[in-house]
Protein backbone atom coordinates (compact mmCIF):
# COMPACT_ATOMS: atom_id res chain seq x y z
CA UNK A 1 -5.49 35.82 -14.73
CA UNK A 2 -9.17 35.59 -15.99
CA UNK A 3 -10.41 32.24 -16.49
CA UNK A 4 -10.79 32.65 -20.39
CA UNK A 5 -7.01 33.46 -20.28
CA UNK A 6 -6.75 30.31 -18.24
CA UNK A 7 -8.52 28.52 -20.62
CA UNK A 8 -6.39 29.63 -23.51
CA UNK A 9 -3.18 28.48 -21.65
CA UNK A 10 -4.44 25.28 -21.11
CA UNK A 11 -5.28 24.73 -24.52
CA UNK A 12 -1.84 25.71 -25.78
CA UNK A 13 -0.26 23.91 -23.11
CA UNK A 14 -2.23 20.68 -24.72
CA UNK A 15 -1.55 21.84 -28.49
CA UNK A 16 2.30 22.13 -27.36
CA UNK A 17 2.24 18.57 -25.70
CA UNK A 18 0.57 17.24 -29.01
CA UNK A 19 3.12 18.97 -31.15
CA UNK A 20 6.22 17.47 -29.27
CA UNK A 21 4.69 14.00 -29.00
CA UNK A 22 4.39 13.95 -32.88
CA UNK A 23 7.70 15.49 -33.64
CA UNK A 24 9.77 13.58 -31.32
CA UNK A 25 7.40 10.17 -31.76
CA UNK A 26 6.74 9.94 -28.32
CA UNK A 27 3.06 8.41 -29.02
CA UNK A 28 4.41 5.23 -30.41
CA UNK A 29 1.89 2.55 -31.22
CA UNK A 30 2.56 0.30 -28.24
CA UNK A 31 1.87 3.00 -25.83
CA UNK A 32 -1.27 4.24 -27.70
CA UNK A 33 -2.44 0.60 -27.31
CA UNK A 34 -1.47 0.60 -23.85
CA UNK A 35 -3.23 3.89 -22.86
CA UNK A 36 -6.48 2.11 -24.87
CA UNK A 37 -6.34 -0.90 -23.00
CA UNK A 38 -6.34 1.16 -19.90
CA UNK A 39 -9.19 3.35 -20.74
CA UNK A 40 -11.41 0.23 -21.96
CA UNK A 41 -10.83 -1.28 -18.32
CA UNK A 42 -11.87 2.09 -16.91
CA UNK A 43 -8.71 2.85 -15.10
CA UNK A 44 -8.63 6.53 -14.10
CA UNK A 45 -6.79 8.54 -16.52
CA UNK A 46 -4.00 9.66 -14.36
CA UNK A 47 -0.89 8.24 -16.21
CA UNK A 48 2.15 10.48 -16.91
CA UNK A 49 2.07 11.75 -20.46
CA UNK A 50 4.34 10.40 -23.07
CA UNK A 51 6.65 13.72 -22.42
CA UNK A 52 7.04 12.84 -19.14
CA UNK A 53 7.33 8.90 -19.55
CA UNK A 54 10.35 9.56 -21.76
CA UNK A 55 11.97 11.80 -19.21
CA UNK A 56 11.79 9.03 -16.75
CA UNK A 57 13.24 6.72 -19.43
CA UNK A 58 15.93 9.52 -19.74
CA UNK A 59 16.81 9.80 -16.31
CA UNK A 60 17.05 5.85 -15.64
CA UNK A 61 19.48 5.60 -18.41
CA UNK A 62 21.51 8.98 -17.23
CA UNK A 63 21.40 7.39 -13.77
CA UNK A 64 22.70 3.94 -14.87
CA UNK A 65 19.92 2.44 -12.56
CA UNK A 66 19.55 -1.49 -12.68
CA UNK A 67 16.86 -1.77 -9.83
CA UNK A 68 13.81 0.60 -9.71
CA UNK A 69 11.05 0.79 -6.99
CA UNK A 70 7.64 2.42 -8.22
CA UNK A 71 4.95 3.02 -5.77
CA UNK A 72 1.79 3.26 -7.87
CA UNK A 73 1.56 1.00 -10.80
CA UNK A 74 -1.96 1.91 -12.20
CA UNK A 75 -1.99 0.45 -15.68
CA UNK A 76 1.63 0.11 -15.89
CA UNK A 77 2.39 2.96 -18.48
CA UNK A 78 5.32 4.57 -16.56
CA UNK A 79 6.45 1.15 -15.49
CA UNK A 80 7.18 0.18 -19.25
CA UNK A 81 8.68 3.30 -20.11
CA UNK A 82 11.33 2.92 -17.06
CA UNK A 83 11.90 -0.86 -17.74
CA UNK A 84 12.42 -0.29 -21.41
CA UNK A 85 15.60 1.84 -20.04
CA UNK A 86 16.89 -1.12 -17.88
CA UNK A 87 19.98 -3.46 -18.84
CA UNK A 88 18.78 -7.08 -19.35
CA UNK A 89 19.49 -7.89 -15.79
CA UNK A 90 17.70 -4.78 -14.53
CA UNK A 91 14.64 -5.11 -12.57
CA UNK A 92 11.31 -2.64 -11.45
CA UNK A 93 9.48 -3.83 -8.44
CA UNK A 94 6.22 -2.24 -8.89
CA UNK A 95 3.34 -1.87 -6.23
CA UNK A 96 -0.24 -1.56 -7.07
CA UNK A 97 -3.47 -1.18 -4.55
CA UNK A 98 -6.24 -2.62 -7.01
CA UNK A 99 -5.98 -5.89 -8.20
CA UNK A 100 -7.97 -5.08 -11.12
CA UNK A 101 -5.31 -2.52 -12.21
CA UNK A 102 -2.65 -5.02 -11.82
CA UNK A 103 -4.25 -7.59 -13.72
CA UNK A 104 -4.36 -4.55 -16.82
CA UNK A 105 -0.78 -3.88 -16.18
CA UNK A 106 0.20 -7.48 -16.42
CA UNK A 107 -1.23 -7.67 -20.19
CA UNK A 108 0.68 -4.65 -20.68
CA UNK A 109 3.93 -5.75 -19.72
CA UNK A 110 3.58 -9.07 -21.82
CA UNK A 111 2.64 -6.95 -24.80
CA UNK A 112 5.48 -4.77 -24.15
CA UNK A 113 8.09 -7.38 -24.03
CA UNK A 114 9.22 -6.40 -20.41
CA UNK A 115 7.38 -8.75 -18.36
CA UNK A 116 10.68 -10.37 -17.50
CA UNK A 117 12.22 -7.15 -15.83
CA UNK A 118 8.80 -6.49 -13.62
CA UNK A 119 8.01 -7.74 -10.38
CA UNK A 120 4.40 -6.70 -9.37
CA UNK A 121 3.31 -6.77 -5.86
CA UNK A 122 -0.34 -6.07 -5.20
CA UNK A 123 -2.19 -4.81 -2.11
CA UNK A 124 -1.43 -1.92 0.55
CA UNK A 125 1.89 -0.10 -0.47
CA UNK A 126 2.79 0.44 3.02
CA UNK A 127 2.32 -3.11 3.76
CA UNK A 128 4.11 -4.33 0.57
CA UNK A 129 7.25 -2.03 1.65
CA UNK A 130 7.38 -3.61 5.09
CA UNK A 131 7.26 -6.98 3.25
CA UNK A 132 10.27 -5.82 0.98
CA UNK A 133 12.11 -4.83 4.39
CA UNK A 134 11.30 -7.82 6.06
CA UNK A 135 12.57 -9.87 2.93
CA UNK A 136 15.79 -7.72 3.17
CA UNK A 137 15.92 -6.79 -0.57
CA UNK A 138 18.77 -4.82 -1.96
CA UNK A 139 18.63 -1.18 -2.04
CA UNK A 140 17.24 0.66 -5.33
CA UNK A 141 18.94 3.08 -7.44
CA UNK A 142 15.65 4.77 -8.71
CA UNK A 143 12.36 5.14 -6.52
CA UNK A 144 9.39 6.66 -8.55
CA UNK A 145 6.56 7.78 -6.01
CA UNK A 146 3.36 8.07 -7.71
CA UNK A 147 0.50 6.71 -5.72
CA UNK A 148 -1.93 8.09 -3.18
CA UNK A 149 -0.71 11.41 -1.74
CA UNK A 150 -1.67 11.41 2.00
CA UNK A 151 0.81 8.65 2.16
CA UNK A 152 3.78 10.56 0.56
CA UNK A 153 5.49 11.10 3.94
CA UNK A 154 5.54 7.54 4.62
CA UNK A 155 6.55 6.67 1.18
CA UNK A 156 9.42 9.06 1.33
CA UNK A 157 10.69 7.62 4.72
CA UNK A 158 10.19 4.07 2.78
CA UNK A 159 12.20 5.36 0.07
CA UNK A 160 14.90 6.32 2.04
CA UNK A 161 15.22 2.93 3.71
CA UNK A 162 15.52 1.35 0.32
CA UNK A 163 18.15 3.84 -0.75
CA UNK A 164 21.94 4.14 -1.02
CA UNK A 165 24.09 6.91 -1.78
CA UNK A 166 23.31 7.98 -5.72
CA UNK A 167 19.67 6.82 -5.24
CA UNK A 168 17.55 9.16 -7.55
CA UNK A 169 14.27 9.97 -5.81
CA UNK A 170 11.37 11.00 -8.18
CA UNK A 171 8.03 12.03 -7.31
CA UNK A 172 5.02 12.99 -9.19
CA UNK A 173 1.99 15.55 -8.50
CA UNK A 174 3.72 17.88 -6.06
CA UNK A 175 2.42 21.19 -7.12
CA UNK A 176 -1.22 20.41 -7.91
CA UNK A 177 -2.19 23.40 -9.91
CA UNK A 178 -0.22 25.47 -7.08
CA UNK A 179 -2.22 24.38 -4.48
CA UNK A 180 0.45 23.35 -2.22
CA UNK A 181 0.97 26.79 -1.31
CA UNK A 182 -2.46 26.98 0.65
CA UNK A 183 -1.53 26.15 4.29
CA UNK A 184 -5.41 26.24 4.92
CA UNK A 185 -6.43 23.68 2.39
CA UNK A 186 -8.45 20.79 3.62
CA UNK A 187 -7.40 18.68 1.07
CA UNK A 188 -5.88 15.43 2.45
CA UNK A 189 -3.56 15.14 -0.60
CA UNK A 190 -2.10 18.84 -0.50
CA UNK A 191 -1.57 18.22 3.16
CA UNK A 192 0.37 14.93 2.42
CA UNK A 193 2.37 16.70 -0.29
CA UNK A 194 3.14 19.69 1.98
CA UNK A 195 4.38 17.23 4.90
CA UNK A 196 6.43 15.60 2.06
CA UNK A 197 8.42 19.00 1.19
CA UNK A 198 8.57 19.34 5.09
CA UNK A 199 10.59 15.93 5.62
CA UNK A 200 12.64 16.70 2.78
CA UNK A 201 13.59 20.30 3.99
CA UNK A 202 14.59 18.53 7.46
CA UNK A 203 16.41 15.37 5.73
CA UNK A 204 20.16 16.12 5.69
CA UNK A 205 20.55 12.69 3.25
CA UNK A 206 18.81 14.27 0.40
CA UNK A 207 20.91 16.26 -1.89
CA UNK A 208 20.48 18.23 -5.24
CA UNK A 209 16.85 18.54 -4.47
CA UNK A 210 14.52 20.51 -7.03
CA UNK A 211 10.99 20.70 -8.26
CA UNK A 212 10.27 20.81 -11.94
CA UNK A 213 6.96 22.68 -12.75
CA UNK A 214 5.12 21.54 -15.61
CA UNK A 215 2.19 22.33 -17.85
CA UNK A 216 0.60 20.31 -20.71
CA UNK A 217 -1.89 17.82 -21.53
CA UNK A 218 -1.93 16.86 -17.74
CA UNK A 219 -2.51 20.22 -16.68
CA UNK A 220 -0.50 22.47 -14.09
CA UNK A 221 1.62 20.32 -11.78
CA UNK A 222 5.30 19.02 -11.19
CA UNK A 223 8.01 16.55 -10.31
CA UNK A 224 10.15 16.58 -7.20
CA UNK A 225 13.80 15.14 -7.64
CA UNK A 226 16.56 14.21 -5.11
CA UNK A 227 19.59 12.40 -4.74
CA UNK A 228 20.31 10.53 -1.89
CA UNK A 229 24.11 11.37 -0.23
CA UNK A 230 25.61 10.16 2.96
CA UNK A 231 24.33 11.54 5.95
CA UNK A 232 25.44 14.76 7.13
CA UNK A 233 24.71 17.71 9.35
CA UNK A 234 23.78 20.01 6.55
CA UNK A 235 22.73 19.53 2.85
CA UNK A 236 25.18 20.80 0.27
């Protein structure tokens, strides 16, 4: 594909996303205000798209999740999509490294009316995950991994630790413009995602594993989804 063809394809992906967002009312006023606040606070523009946020919401509704663990809050955009899908007694525990990001997220949670359903933890995610383990928190029904990619292998191990049979593990940015097939990449993010795939390949507890390649306003990337089952010698 020539650069011109690629540019044309990317423009079409963006326009299709815009059409879908408009026709399905995915760019609601609330979420637009949240993204605008994130922009004004100079947060990196790496939130999921509106259509992807709606997908997260649907997955939580379909799975009947009550407890959600999110690794990587940023400004709370995806957190709010998920929290809205929870029952009144549901909870999202969300982990964010940067205090300034977490502060913006708190304002967003209050504006969205979901503050009471969200427990924020700030600091290194691996330290926060160890703290959760020390506190012996109950397992989670849905786990969304969307943080620094070099640590994806460690996040997967913790996700399994906090899972029960039936837990859905959902990870973002697992295609990375197709770069995951480059075994000679020097990018630590690519190495992290490739090791993530290797661990999943060898993990018998993970069932119904699939990757969904995506294109749109966020470019070319993808999600990985797996369902946790009982430990068995072979994956079904």
